Every structure is written in C-alpha cells, then in structure tokens.
Amino acid sequence: MRTINHFVNGEAFAGTTGKTQPVLNPSTGTEQAQVVLADRADVDAVIAASAKAQPGWAAMNPQKRIRIIMEWIRLIHANMDELARTLSLEHGKTFDDARGDVLRGVDVLEFALGAPHQLKGEYSTEVGTGIDTYSLRQPLGVVAGITPFNFPAMIPLWKAGPALAAGNAFVLKPSERDPSVPVRLAELFIEAGAPAGVLNVVHGGKEAVDAILDSDTIKAVGFVGSTPIAQYIYARCAETGKRAQCFGGAKNHAIVLPDADIDATADALVGAAFGSAGERCMALSVVVPVGKETADKLREALVAKIPSLNVGHCLDPQADYGPLVTADARDRVFRLIGEGVEAGADLVVDGRELDMSGAEFEGESLAGGYYCGPTFFDNVTAEMSIYTEEIFGPVLAMVRAETLEEAISYPNDHVYGNGVAIFTQNGGAAREFVKNINVGMVGVNVPIPVPIAYHTFGGWKASGFGDLNQHGPDSFRFYTKTKTVTSRWPDDSQAGPQFTMPVMN
C-alpha cells in the first residue's frame, strides 16, 4: 500500500505519530493509499523548518524568485497528465476537469510572475523641506494555507504562488482526502530550483489545523472550505493576531429573464450545475426563471438534456462527470434530496435512481463507487433545506419568480453571497442587476463567473471572511506588510532639538 508522507525541507517526512488515514478511489470505492497524519509536534517542526528557510528566500532578488516560479510552471506543464490523472483518481472529477483544476492554478502562478512590479512601493519627494517619504512592501514571514478537497491543485497554487513570489515561506495543509497532487507540486517546486523548506506540505485533521492557528510563527492563514470552519479559523486567527482570508460555502443562483435564449441557457445550467458532480464552490445550484412561461420552457429544455448525461469512472473519456468524493458525501446528497421530496418540492429527475451495479471501466467494477445521478427539482421554496443548504452535489433546484425584483431577492436575501449569474439579451436589465445584486462575483450570460487571475476571487456574506480576496492584486496585499519611511539628511542649519509636532511645510 502506497504511503503519502509530509513533504518538508525538500524531502518526504513520515512524522512521528504513526497515524494514517485511507485515501480512496471514489470511482470504485477501493483504498489506494494511506496518508500520514501530523500532530502538534509534527506541525511545529514543519513550521520551524519554514522559519529557518524564509529569510534567505526573502533576501533573494525578486526576479530570481520569479525565474524559479517560471521553471515551476514549465515543470507543471511537463507533468500535466500525471498530475491530472492522480487528481482524478483521488478526487473523482474527470481527467479533463482535473487538467482544468491544475491550469486554473497555473493562471495565478503566471500572474505572480509580476511580483517585482506588485511589490514596488511609492515615493514622494520634498514632502517637507529636505524630507522624502517612501513605502516598502515586505513579506510577512511564514504563512499557511488550509485548502479543500474539491480543488487540490488550483487552491494550493492560488495561495502559495503569490505568497512565495512575495518572499514568504509557505506551509500547506491540504485535504487529506486527495493529498498526492499538493505533495507532487511541492516536489516540482524544489526541482525548479527553490530552496528546501520554503514550501512545505503537512497532512492532518483538526489537531494539525489548530497547531497552525496557534503558532506564533505563522503570520497569515488562507482557508477555503465550509462556512462553519471558515468562521472558526477567522475567529481563531483574530485571537492570535494573524491575518486571515477565509472562504466558506455558497448557494449560487442563476436568474433567467424571458428574453434569454432558453436552449443555450439550459446548456449552461447543465454544465454549471452537474460538472464535477456539483462539488464546486461556484456550481450553479439554483435557477430562478422570471415568469411562468419562462419557467415552463426552461423546465422542458432541462428535462430533455439531463437524461443524456453520462456519469462514470473519472478516467472514462465518455463521462460528463464522475463520483462524489466519499460515501459520506454521497449519502448527505441523498439525504437532502429526500428532504426536498418531504418538503413538497417537485422532484423531476431523481439522481438516486442511478444504477451502477453492473457498470465497469477497464475491467474494474464501479458498483462500490460514490455516484449520484443528475437531480432536478422544480417548485422549490426558500424555506426548504435543498434551498437553504449548500448541497455540494449534482442537484439543481428551480425557484419560480413572477418579477425580476422577486428573482433578485432570492440571492440578495440568502445567507451566502458567493456567485450569481443572469441570462438575458437586455443590456439595461443586466446592468441594473450587476449594480443591485448583493453577491461577490457576477456573471452576465456566464454561468460560472470565476474571475481571471489578475482580478480577485471572493464571495460576500457567509461565503467570505476577511477584507482581501484570493489572487489578483489583493493576494500581494494580503501576503505583504507595508513599511512607510520618512527620511531627512540634515545639514548644520537643522541642528538642535525640536519640541513641537513636526509639520511638513
């Protein structure tokens, strides 16, 4: 049985606990590896290694750091198929989707190549007689990322790329459900020429997380996961004086106006709701058509398209999406589907009926995999759990609205505020929607409005805690501190003490 160790100081580190956890293949339900788990002492050792390596990394010319990251990008591309295959087999998303996971992380590494520009300060001369003022952006020191199972390449790279480019050392605590790709990315960073200890990977559960949060050495924490854990980490970081950017759950809505292209909208919804088995924080899980005619047409279009979706093994090129990540994740989705039925929603397509008992891929049975077919509800109301909770599965709920104002009220009033989309051919309506919606990321005829790397990614309300977002310029602001210097080189005429508040004149 393969063992996935921590990665510290440029090499595998087994830790001291002897504790491990199975890493499963969600497509078959079989165990494929064991990942070692850290305790507080292990985490403290990893942080100490990072602290030792960071000063030399920070002292390196930023362009030299960037050349290492450039080589890291090249190596990631050279090893893309290996990374995507490993990611697929541990997470369950399809091979092509896994490639996209890696590539969207690389996008942020490419943005981080601009670090020499992003780190520039400001300079003002003669703010007073013979006095100049300037600012410096300096790394925080050792920072950490606690990242989720659903994007085991993208989110670690979103966190680590800008942090490393800015001169910090980075401690990564990825999900223990699919830990191989984060370790492999760290190995490639060392292969690219990075000093040992600058990027370390440690695995573990709550004890490991708390050790990071309680460390006096860690100066900032980036987190992506559920809202309760995001709130916990944000509060704990506040108590210990750390910076924190913590991103939580989502319930992303799509508003469909009567003038929308119904067939194209249905295609967009099918991809955005069911891709990656719905295990995306940007998945569109609620559609709100305006008017009965719009809703009826959209329902008809969705019912025509959903049954043609192919659910299968993550490496099956014919599969539109694969399994959920664990049996518990699948069972939770099944439970919420049942609650929707009990609450009176109209279950139009029931994904629980998917039968994989006789399915195989390359001689392997899929009967033990964690599959859920695409599920579609109509006539959902705002008090139902399938509307209030983030299902994180292949479930699309339709909530009918009579007016645009009513439709907008659903995402505006929801506890989450991550992403939203509007489908329309009316520019004025779209413009008003963008202005008035109380959500962090907005798509206009774009079903999954994930910003490109040089804009920031982040939700509002219970979807995000902290005032700086992921990637884009915010990432460099988050991972650096500003030092402002006021200087004067006095001559003889300025000798003697001053006892009044200095005034720049």
Protein backbone atom coordinates (compact mmCIF):
# COMPACT_ATOMS: atom_id res chain seq x y z
CA MET A 1 0.00 0.00 0.00
CA ARG A 2 1.42 3.37 -1.07
CA THR A 3 2.11 5.87 1.74
CA ILE A 4 1.76 9.62 1.20
CA ASN A 5 4.13 11.41 3.57
CA HIS A 6 4.51 15.02 4.54
CA PHE A 7 6.97 16.99 2.39
CA VAL A 8 9.41 19.03 4.46
CA ASN A 9 12.81 20.53 3.67
CA GLY A 10 12.66 19.15 0.16
CA GLU A 11 12.06 15.52 1.10
CA ALA A 12 9.45 13.09 2.40
CA PHE A 13 8.85 13.25 6.14
CA ALA A 14 6.95 10.41 7.82
CA GLY A 15 6.28 12.32 11.02
CA THR A 16 6.22 10.85 14.49
CA THR A 17 2.61 9.87 15.12
CA GLY A 18 2.30 6.63 13.16
CA LYS A 19 -1.27 7.68 12.41
CA THR A 20 -2.63 7.31 8.89
CA GLN A 21 -5.90 7.68 7.01
CA PRO A 22 -7.04 5.83 3.87
CA VAL A 23 -7.04 7.65 0.53
CA LEU A 24 -9.83 6.19 -1.59
CA ASN A 25 -10.60 5.91 -5.28
CA PRO A 26 -14.11 7.41 -5.41
CA SER A 27 -14.83 5.79 -8.76
CA THR A 28 -14.55 2.28 -7.31
CA GLY A 29 -14.69 2.77 -3.55
CA THR A 30 -11.36 0.99 -3.12
CA GLU A 31 -8.43 2.11 -0.95
CA GLN A 32 -5.41 3.19 -2.99
CA ALA A 33 -3.05 4.75 -0.43
CA GLN A 34 -2.52 5.78 3.18
CA VAL A 35 -1.74 9.39 4.11
CA VAL A 36 0.22 10.09 7.29
CA LEU A 37 -1.35 12.49 9.80
CA ALA A 38 0.53 15.05 11.87
CA ASP A 39 0.11 16.01 15.50
CA ARG A 40 1.03 19.36 17.02
CA ALA A 41 4.70 18.42 17.43
CA ASP A 42 4.98 17.47 13.76
CA VAL A 43 3.36 20.72 12.67
CA ASP A 44 5.64 22.73 14.94
CA ALA A 45 8.66 21.02 13.32
CA VAL A 46 7.37 21.86 9.85
CA ILE A 47 6.81 25.50 10.82
CA ALA A 48 10.31 25.68 12.31
CA ALA A 49 11.77 24.42 9.03
CA SER A 50 9.83 27.09 7.16
CA ALA A 51 11.03 29.82 9.52
CA LYS A 52 14.63 28.75 9.01
CA ALA A 53 14.34 28.85 5.21
CA GLN A 54 12.33 32.06 4.84
CA PRO A 55 14.96 34.79 5.46
CA GLY A 56 17.20 33.57 2.67
CA TRP A 57 14.26 33.29 0.27
CA ALA A 58 13.09 36.81 1.14
CA ALA A 59 16.61 38.19 0.65
CA MET A 60 16.72 36.78 -2.87
CA ASN A 61 16.22 39.29 -5.68
CA PRO A 62 12.50 39.12 -6.61
CA GLN A 63 13.42 38.43 -10.23
CA LYS A 64 15.39 35.37 -9.16
CA ARG A 65 12.38 34.12 -7.21
CA ILE A 66 10.25 34.66 -10.29
CA ARG A 67 12.63 32.71 -12.51
CA ILE A 68 12.20 29.75 -10.16
CA ILE A 69 8.42 30.10 -10.40
CA MET A 70 8.73 30.30 -14.20
CA GLU A 71 10.56 26.97 -14.16
CA TRP A 72 7.91 25.60 -11.76
CA ILE A 73 5.24 26.50 -14.32
CA ARG A 74 7.21 24.74 -17.05
CA LEU A 75 7.54 21.59 -14.94
CA ILE A 76 3.85 21.60 -14.08
CA HIS A 77 3.01 21.68 -17.79
CA ALA A 78 5.55 18.94 -18.49
CA ASN A 79 3.93 16.74 -15.83
CA MET A 80 0.33 17.75 -16.58
CA ASP A 81 -1.01 14.33 -17.49
CA GLU A 82 0.48 12.72 -14.39
CA LEU A 83 -0.94 15.47 -12.16
CA ALA A 84 -4.39 15.29 -13.77
CA ARG A 85 -4.58 11.51 -13.60
CA THR A 86 -3.54 11.44 -9.94
CA LEU A 87 -6.00 14.20 -9.12
CA SER A 88 -8.83 12.37 -10.92
CA LEU A 89 -8.20 9.09 -9.14
CA GLU A 90 -8.22 10.70 -5.68
CA HIS A 91 -10.97 13.28 -6.16
CA GLY A 92 -13.26 11.68 -8.75
CA LYS A 93 -13.51 14.55 -11.23
CA THR A 94 -12.91 13.67 -14.87
CA PHE A 95 -9.43 13.79 -16.40
CA ASP A 96 -10.20 16.90 -18.49
CA ASP A 97 -11.76 18.62 -15.48
CA ALA A 98 -8.67 17.76 -13.45
CA ARG A 99 -6.46 19.35 -16.11
CA GLY A 100 -8.58 22.47 -15.77
CA ASP A 101 -8.07 22.35 -11.98
CA VAL A 102 -4.30 22.44 -12.47
CA LEU A 103 -4.38 25.02 -15.27
CA ARG A 104 -6.51 27.49 -13.28
CA GLY A 105 -3.87 27.27 -10.55
CA VAL A 106 -1.13 27.91 -13.09
CA ASP A 107 -3.02 31.03 -14.19
CA VAL A 108 -2.32 32.54 -10.77
CA LEU A 109 1.32 31.45 -10.87
CA GLU A 110 1.59 33.33 -14.16
CA PHE A 111 0.08 36.42 -12.53
CA ALA A 112 2.59 36.04 -9.70
CA LEU A 113 5.39 36.44 -12.24
CA GLY A 114 4.61 40.14 -11.98
CA ALA A 115 5.76 40.19 -8.35
CA PRO A 116 8.62 42.67 -8.95
CA HIS A 117 6.00 45.16 -10.11
CA GLN A 118 3.41 44.24 -7.46
CA LEU A 119 5.99 44.67 -4.70
CA LYS A 120 7.04 48.17 -5.75
CA GLY A 121 6.43 50.86 -3.17
CA GLU A 122 5.70 54.57 -3.59
CA TYR A 123 7.99 57.59 -3.33
CA SER A 124 7.23 61.23 -2.63
CA THR A 125 10.00 63.79 -2.58
CA GLU A 126 10.08 67.12 -0.73
CA VAL A 127 7.03 66.42 1.42
CA GLY A 128 8.71 68.89 3.73
CA THR A 129 11.89 70.89 3.43
CA GLY A 130 14.56 68.31 2.69
CA ILE A 131 12.22 65.46 3.64
CA ASP A 132 11.21 62.46 1.47
CA THR A 133 8.65 59.73 2.20
CA TYR A 134 8.54 56.31 0.63
CA SER A 135 6.96 52.92 1.27
CA LEU A 136 8.20 49.34 1.07
CA ARG A 137 6.25 46.10 0.66
CA GLN A 138 7.87 43.33 2.67
CA PRO A 139 6.91 39.66 3.19
CA LEU A 140 5.12 38.66 6.37
CA GLY A 141 7.45 35.72 7.04
CA VAL A 142 5.86 32.27 7.35
CA VAL A 143 2.27 31.95 6.13
CA ALA A 144 -0.06 28.98 5.76
CA GLY A 145 -2.79 27.66 3.50
CA ILE A 146 -5.53 25.23 4.57
CA THR A 147 -7.09 24.03 1.35
CA PRO A 148 -10.12 21.90 0.35
CA PHE A 149 -10.56 18.55 -1.36
CA ASN A 150 -12.54 19.84 -4.33
CA PHE A 151 -9.65 21.73 -5.96
CA PRO A 152 -6.46 20.01 -4.74
CA ALA A 153 -4.25 21.78 -7.31
CA MET A 154 -5.93 25.10 -8.02
CA ILE A 155 -6.48 26.39 -4.50
CA PRO A 156 -2.99 25.45 -3.17
CA LEU A 157 -1.45 27.24 -6.16
CA TRP A 158 -3.76 30.24 -5.66
CA LYS A 159 -2.49 30.51 -2.10
CA ALA A 160 1.15 29.50 -2.46
CA GLY A 161 2.02 31.28 -5.72
CA PRO A 162 1.63 34.93 -4.64
CA ALA A 163 2.85 34.16 -1.11
CA LEU A 164 6.08 32.62 -2.38
CA ALA A 165 6.58 35.27 -5.05
CA ALA A 166 6.36 37.92 -2.32
CA GLY A 167 9.17 36.27 -0.34
CA ASN A 168 7.23 34.31 2.26
CA ALA A 169 7.73 30.69 3.23
CA PHE A 170 4.53 28.69 2.82
CA VAL A 171 3.11 25.84 4.93
CA LEU A 172 0.40 23.97 3.04
CA LYS A 173 -2.15 21.81 4.87
CA PRO A 174 -4.18 20.24 2.04
CA SER A 175 -7.19 17.98 2.35
CA GLU A 176 -6.25 14.50 3.49
CA ARG A 177 -8.84 13.08 1.06
CA ASP A 178 -6.72 13.82 -2.03
CA PRO A 179 -3.22 14.80 -0.86
CA SER A 180 -0.95 13.44 -3.61
CA VAL A 181 -1.10 16.37 -6.03
CA PRO A 182 -0.20 19.02 -3.42
CA VAL A 183 2.86 16.95 -2.48
CA ARG A 184 3.82 16.50 -6.13
CA LEU A 185 3.51 20.25 -6.74
CA ALA A 186 5.89 20.88 -3.84
CA GLU A 187 8.35 18.35 -5.26
CA LEU A 188 8.25 20.13 -8.61
CA PHE A 189 8.92 23.46 -6.85
CA ILE A 190 12.14 22.03 -5.43
CA GLU A 191 13.00 20.56 -8.83
CA ALA A 192 12.55 24.07 -10.27
CA GLY A 193 15.41 25.28 -8.08
CA ALA A 194 13.65 26.55 -4.95
CA PRO A 195 15.50 26.28 -1.63
CA ALA A 196 14.44 23.41 0.61
CA GLY A 197 11.99 24.41 3.34
CA VAL A 198 10.39 27.35 1.52
CA LEU A 199 7.31 25.30 0.55
CA ASN A 200 6.38 22.52 2.99
CA VAL A 201 3.32 20.24 3.00
CA VAL A 202 1.85 18.73 6.14
CA HIS A 203 -1.21 16.48 6.39
CA GLY A 204 -3.66 16.20 9.23
CA GLY A 205 -7.01 16.97 10.75
CA LYS A 206 -8.20 19.41 13.40
CA GLU A 207 -5.12 18.97 15.61
CA ALA A 208 -2.86 19.98 12.73
CA VAL A 209 -5.09 22.93 11.85
CA ASP A 210 -5.15 24.17 15.44
CA ALA A 211 -1.37 23.90 15.64
CA ILE A 212 -1.12 26.22 12.63
CA LEU A 213 -3.65 28.63 14.11
CA ASP A 214 -1.93 28.73 17.49
CA SER A 215 1.61 29.15 16.16
CA ASP A 216 3.32 32.43 16.93
CA THR A 217 5.44 31.98 13.81
CA ILE A 218 2.57 31.79 11.32
CA LYS A 219 1.58 35.34 10.36
CA ALA A 220 -1.32 34.73 7.97
CA VAL A 221 -3.71 31.92 7.07
CA GLY A 222 -5.67 31.39 3.88
CA PHE A 223 -8.58 28.94 4.04
CA VAL A 224 -11.22 27.54 1.69
CA GLY A 225 -13.90 25.15 2.94
CA SER A 226 -17.23 25.16 4.73
CA THR A 227 -18.64 28.29 6.37
CA PRO A 228 -18.58 26.95 9.97
CA ILE A 229 -14.88 26.10 9.66
CA ALA A 230 -14.17 29.40 7.87
CA GLN A 231 -15.76 31.28 10.78
CA TYR A 232 -13.82 29.18 13.29
CA ILE A 233 -10.48 29.82 11.60
CA TYR A 234 -11.21 33.51 11.10
CA ALA A 235 -12.08 33.96 14.79
CA ARG A 236 -9.09 31.92 15.96
CA CYS A 237 -6.75 33.97 13.79
CA ALA A 238 -8.21 37.17 15.22
CA GLU A 239 -7.49 35.90 18.72
CA THR A 240 -3.86 35.15 17.87
CA GLY A 241 -3.23 38.27 15.79
CA LYS A 242 -2.97 36.65 12.38
CA ARG A 243 -4.23 37.87 9.05
CA ALA A 244 -6.92 35.62 7.62
CA GLN A 245 -8.79 35.22 4.36
CA CYS A 246 -11.39 32.50 4.85
CA PHE A 247 -13.83 31.43 2.16
CA GLY A 248 -16.86 29.34 3.02
CA GLY A 249 -19.98 27.89 1.47
CA ALA A 250 -22.10 29.01 -1.44
CA LYS A 251 -25.56 28.82 -2.95
CA ASN A 252 -25.11 30.26 -6.40
CA HIS A 253 -28.21 31.45 -8.27
CA ALA A 254 -28.93 31.92 -11.96
CA ILE A 255 -31.64 34.43 -12.89
CA VAL A 256 -33.26 33.74 -16.27
CA LEU A 257 -35.24 36.55 -17.95
CA PRO A 258 -37.97 35.94 -20.55
CA ASP A 259 -35.76 37.18 -23.40
CA ALA A 260 -32.96 34.69 -22.68
CA ASP A 261 -32.01 32.03 -25.21
CA ILE A 262 -33.62 29.09 -23.40
CA ASP A 263 -31.71 26.31 -25.15
CA ALA A 264 -28.32 27.97 -24.61
CA THR A 265 -29.26 28.77 -21.01
CA ALA A 266 -30.22 25.15 -20.37
CA ASP A 267 -26.84 24.02 -21.74
CA ALA A 268 -25.07 26.47 -19.44
CA LEU A 269 -27.07 25.31 -16.42
CA VAL A 270 -26.44 21.62 -17.08
CA GLY A 271 -22.69 22.17 -17.24
CA ALA A 272 -22.55 24.53 -14.27
CA ALA A 273 -24.86 22.50 -12.00
CA PHE A 274 -23.60 18.99 -12.70
CA GLY A 275 -19.97 19.41 -13.74
CA SER A 276 -17.53 17.90 -11.22
CA ALA A 277 -20.59 16.26 -9.61
CA GLY A 278 -21.54 19.69 -8.27
CA GLU A 279 -18.52 19.73 -5.96
CA ARG A 280 -17.54 23.29 -6.83
CA CYS A 281 -17.98 26.39 -4.72
CA MET A 282 -19.04 28.13 -7.95
CA ALA A 283 -21.56 25.46 -9.03
CA LEU A 284 -24.92 26.91 -10.08
CA SER A 285 -27.33 25.09 -7.79
CA VAL A 286 -30.41 27.34 -8.01
CA VAL A 287 -32.12 28.67 -11.13
CA VAL A 288 -34.76 31.40 -10.85
CA PRO A 289 -36.71 31.92 -14.09
CA VAL A 290 -38.89 35.03 -14.28
CA GLY A 291 -42.47 34.31 -15.30
CA LYS A 292 -44.39 31.05 -15.73
CA GLU A 293 -43.76 30.81 -19.46
CA THR A 294 -40.01 31.17 -18.97
CA ALA A 295 -40.02 28.57 -16.21
CA ASP A 296 -42.06 26.06 -18.19
CA LYS A 297 -39.85 26.40 -21.27
CA LEU A 298 -36.69 26.08 -19.19
CA ARG A 299 -38.02 23.02 -17.38
CA GLU A 300 -38.82 21.37 -20.69
CA ALA A 301 -35.34 22.12 -22.05
CA LEU A 302 -33.62 20.80 -18.92
CA VAL A 303 -35.69 17.61 -18.86
CA ALA A 304 -34.66 16.99 -22.47
CA LYS A 305 -30.94 17.43 -21.74
CA ILE A 306 -30.37 15.93 -18.28
CA PRO A 307 -31.04 12.25 -19.11
CA SER A 308 -28.32 12.29 -21.79
CA LEU A 309 -25.59 13.00 -19.22
CA ASN A 310 -23.10 10.17 -18.77
CA VAL A 311 -21.94 9.50 -15.21
CA GLY A 312 -18.96 7.19 -14.90
CA HIS A 313 -15.37 6.47 -13.89
CA CYS A 314 -13.23 9.60 -13.62
CA LEU A 315 -10.89 8.40 -16.38
CA ASP A 316 -13.66 7.36 -18.76
CA PRO A 317 -13.45 9.83 -21.67
CA GLN A 318 -17.19 9.38 -22.23
CA ALA A 319 -18.10 10.51 -18.69
CA ASP A 320 -19.53 14.00 -18.25
CA TYR A 321 -18.81 13.78 -14.55
CA GLY A 322 -17.65 11.21 -12.04
CA PRO A 323 -18.42 10.22 -8.45
CA LEU A 324 -18.64 12.27 -5.30
CA VAL A 325 -15.53 12.26 -3.18
CA THR A 326 -16.67 9.90 -0.38
CA ALA A 327 -19.58 7.69 0.62
CA ASP A 328 -20.47 10.22 3.33
CA ALA A 329 -20.65 13.00 0.73
CA ARG A 330 -22.95 10.89 -1.46
CA ASP A 331 -25.15 9.90 1.47
CA ARG A 332 -25.51 13.53 2.51
CA VAL A 333 -26.67 14.47 -1.00
CA PHE A 334 -29.16 11.58 -0.96
CA ARG A 335 -30.46 12.76 2.42
CA LEU A 336 -31.01 16.29 1.19
CA ILE A 337 -32.80 15.04 -1.94
CA GLY A 338 -35.12 13.11 0.36
CA GLU A 339 -35.73 16.21 2.48
CA GLY A 340 -36.68 18.12 -0.67
CA VAL A 341 -39.28 15.49 -1.54
CA GLU A 342 -40.66 15.51 2.01
CA ALA A 343 -40.89 19.32 1.94
CA GLY A 344 -43.09 19.20 -1.18
CA ALA A 345 -40.68 20.13 -3.96
CA ASP A 346 -41.34 18.56 -7.36
CA LEU A 347 -38.57 16.00 -7.99
CA VAL A 348 -38.45 15.98 -11.78
CA VAL A 349 -35.25 13.90 -12.18
CA ASP A 350 -34.08 11.70 -9.30
CA GLY A 351 -30.33 11.02 -9.31
CA ARG A 352 -30.66 8.42 -6.58
CA GLU A 353 -32.06 6.06 -9.20
CA LEU A 354 -28.71 5.81 -11.00
CA ASP A 355 -27.75 2.12 -11.07
CA MET A 356 -24.02 1.40 -11.27
CA SER A 357 -24.26 -2.21 -10.07
CA GLY A 358 -23.26 -3.68 -13.43
CA ALA A 359 -21.03 -0.84 -14.61
CA GLU A 360 -17.34 -1.41 -15.31
CA PHE A 361 -14.38 0.56 -16.61
CA GLU A 362 -11.29 -1.21 -17.89
CA GLY A 363 -12.29 -4.34 -16.01
CA GLU A 364 -12.97 -2.58 -12.69
CA SER A 365 -16.43 -2.66 -11.16
CA LEU A 366 -17.98 0.71 -10.39
CA ALA A 367 -20.57 -0.77 -8.03
CA GLY A 368 -18.69 0.46 -4.96
CA GLY A 369 -18.18 3.99 -6.26
CA TYR A 370 -19.85 7.07 -4.78
CA TYR A 371 -22.16 8.04 -7.61
CA CYS A 372 -25.22 10.26 -7.77
CA GLY A 373 -27.07 10.93 -10.99
CA PRO A 374 -28.09 14.45 -12.04
CA THR A 375 -31.05 15.62 -9.98
CA PHE A 376 -33.55 18.34 -10.84
CA PHE A 377 -36.22 19.88 -8.59
CA ASP A 378 -38.95 22.31 -9.60
CA ASN A 379 -41.23 24.44 -7.41
CA VAL A 380 -38.63 24.81 -4.65
CA THR A 381 -39.30 27.42 -1.98
CA ALA A 382 -36.95 29.47 0.16
CA GLU A 383 -37.61 27.62 3.43
CA MET A 384 -36.66 24.17 2.10
CA SER A 385 -33.29 22.68 3.13
CA ILE A 386 -32.44 21.98 -0.52
CA TYR A 387 -32.57 25.76 -0.98
CA THR A 388 -31.01 26.97 2.27
CA GLU A 389 -28.12 24.48 2.46
CA GLU A 390 -25.14 24.05 0.19
CA ILE A 391 -25.73 20.54 -1.16
CA PHE A 392 -22.34 20.19 -2.87
CA GLY A 393 -23.66 17.58 -5.23
CA PRO A 394 -25.28 17.26 -8.68
CA VAL A 395 -28.59 18.84 -7.69
CA LEU A 396 -30.30 21.76 -9.44
CA ALA A 397 -33.27 23.48 -7.79
CA MET A 398 -35.72 25.70 -9.68
CA VAL A 399 -37.38 28.53 -7.75
CA ARG A 400 -40.05 30.33 -9.75
CA ALA A 401 -40.41 34.13 -9.62
CA GLU A 402 -43.03 36.45 -11.11
CA THR A 403 -40.82 39.54 -11.47
CA LEU A 404 -37.15 40.43 -11.78
CA GLU A 405 -37.35 42.16 -8.39
CA GLU A 406 -38.59 38.95 -6.78
CA ALA A 407 -35.90 36.93 -8.54
CA ILE A 408 -33.16 39.27 -7.30
CA SER A 409 -34.48 38.98 -3.74
CA TYR A 410 -33.52 35.29 -3.58
CA PRO A 411 -29.74 35.69 -3.91
CA ASN A 412 -29.83 39.02 -2.08
CA ASP A 413 -31.60 37.52 0.94
CA HIS A 414 -29.67 34.25 1.04
CA VAL A 415 -27.07 33.81 3.77
CA TYR A 416 -24.43 33.02 1.14
CA GLY A 417 -23.17 35.53 -1.41
CA ASN A 418 -20.55 33.80 -3.50
CA GLY A 419 -21.60 33.80 -7.15
CA VAL A 420 -24.63 34.66 -9.26
CA ALA A 421 -25.48 34.80 -12.96
CA ILE A 422 -28.13 36.43 -15.12
CA PHE A 423 -29.20 35.20 -18.54
CA THR A 424 -30.72 37.90 -20.74
CA GLN A 425 -30.34 39.79 -24.00
CA ASN A 426 -31.29 43.07 -22.31
CA GLY A 427 -28.20 45.16 -21.55
CA GLY A 428 -30.08 47.59 -19.35
CA ALA A 429 -31.57 44.84 -17.20
CA ALA A 430 -28.17 43.18 -16.87
CA ARG A 431 -26.56 46.46 -15.87
CA GLU A 432 -29.13 47.10 -13.16
CA PHE A 433 -28.74 43.52 -11.96
CA VAL A 434 -24.96 43.87 -11.65
CA LYS A 435 -25.37 47.10 -9.71
CA ASN A 436 -28.00 45.88 -7.26
CA ILE A 437 -27.06 42.28 -6.56
CA ASN A 438 -25.52 41.63 -3.12
CA VAL A 439 -23.08 38.92 -4.22
CA GLY A 440 -19.31 38.94 -4.69
CA MET A 441 -18.94 37.50 -8.21
CA VAL A 442 -21.44 38.11 -11.01
CA GLY A 443 -21.83 36.52 -14.43
CA VAL A 444 -23.77 38.06 -17.32
CA ASN A 445 -24.62 35.14 -19.61
CA VAL A 446 -21.64 33.41 -17.97
CA PRO A 447 -22.73 30.50 -15.74
CA ILE A 448 -19.57 30.17 -13.60
CA PRO A 449 -18.14 33.68 -13.18
CA VAL A 450 -14.70 32.77 -11.84
CA PRO A 451 -12.54 35.86 -12.38
CA ILE A 452 -9.32 35.62 -14.34
CA ALA A 453 -6.10 35.59 -12.33
CA TYR A 454 -5.47 39.34 -12.40
CA HIS A 455 -8.84 40.10 -10.82
CA THR A 456 -9.78 38.97 -7.33
CA PHE A 457 -11.91 35.96 -6.38
CA GLY A 458 -14.12 36.12 -3.31
CA GLY A 459 -17.67 35.95 -2.01
CA TRP A 460 -19.71 38.12 0.32
CA LYS A 461 -21.78 37.47 3.43
CA ALA A 462 -21.28 33.96 4.84
CA SER A 463 -19.23 32.98 1.80
CA GLY A 464 -16.19 35.02 2.75
CA PHE A 465 -14.49 36.32 5.90
CA GLY A 466 -11.73 38.88 5.67
CA ASP A 467 -11.36 42.04 3.61
CA LEU A 468 -8.86 40.83 1.00
CA ASN A 469 -9.67 38.21 -1.63
CA GLN A 470 -7.78 35.47 -3.41
CA HIS A 471 -5.45 36.11 -6.35
CA GLY A 472 -5.11 39.35 -8.26
CA PRO A 473 -3.58 42.41 -6.57
CA ASP A 474 -5.30 41.53 -3.28
CA SER A 475 -3.08 38.47 -2.92
CA PHE A 476 0.08 40.57 -2.78
CA ARG A 477 -1.56 42.99 -0.34
CA PHE A 478 -2.53 40.06 1.86
CA TYR A 479 0.91 38.41 1.89
CA THR A 480 2.93 41.60 2.45
CA LYS A 481 3.10 44.37 5.02
CA THR A 482 3.71 48.00 4.15
CA LYS A 483 6.50 49.94 5.81
CA THR A 484 6.49 53.72 5.35
CA VAL A 485 9.76 55.62 5.73
CA THR A 486 10.14 59.37 6.24
CA SER A 487 13.76 60.47 5.77
CA ARG A 488 15.85 63.61 6.01
CA TRP A 489 19.57 64.14 5.73
CA PRO A 490 20.10 67.19 7.95
CA ASP A 491 22.66 69.89 7.40
CA ASP A 492 24.07 72.29 10.03
CA SER A 493 21.12 74.68 9.76
CA GLN A 494 18.80 71.97 11.13
CA ALA A 495 20.78 71.23 14.28
CA GLY A 496 19.18 71.29 17.75
CA PRO A 497 16.17 69.62 19.36
CA GLN A 498 12.56 70.22 18.29
CA PHE A 499 9.73 70.11 20.86
CA THR A 500 6.67 70.64 18.71
CA MET A 501 4.75 68.26 16.46
CA PRO A 502 6.57 68.22 13.10
CA VAL A 503 4.62 69.89 10.32
CA MET A 504 5.52 69.24 6.68
CA ASN A 505 5.94 72.75 5.27
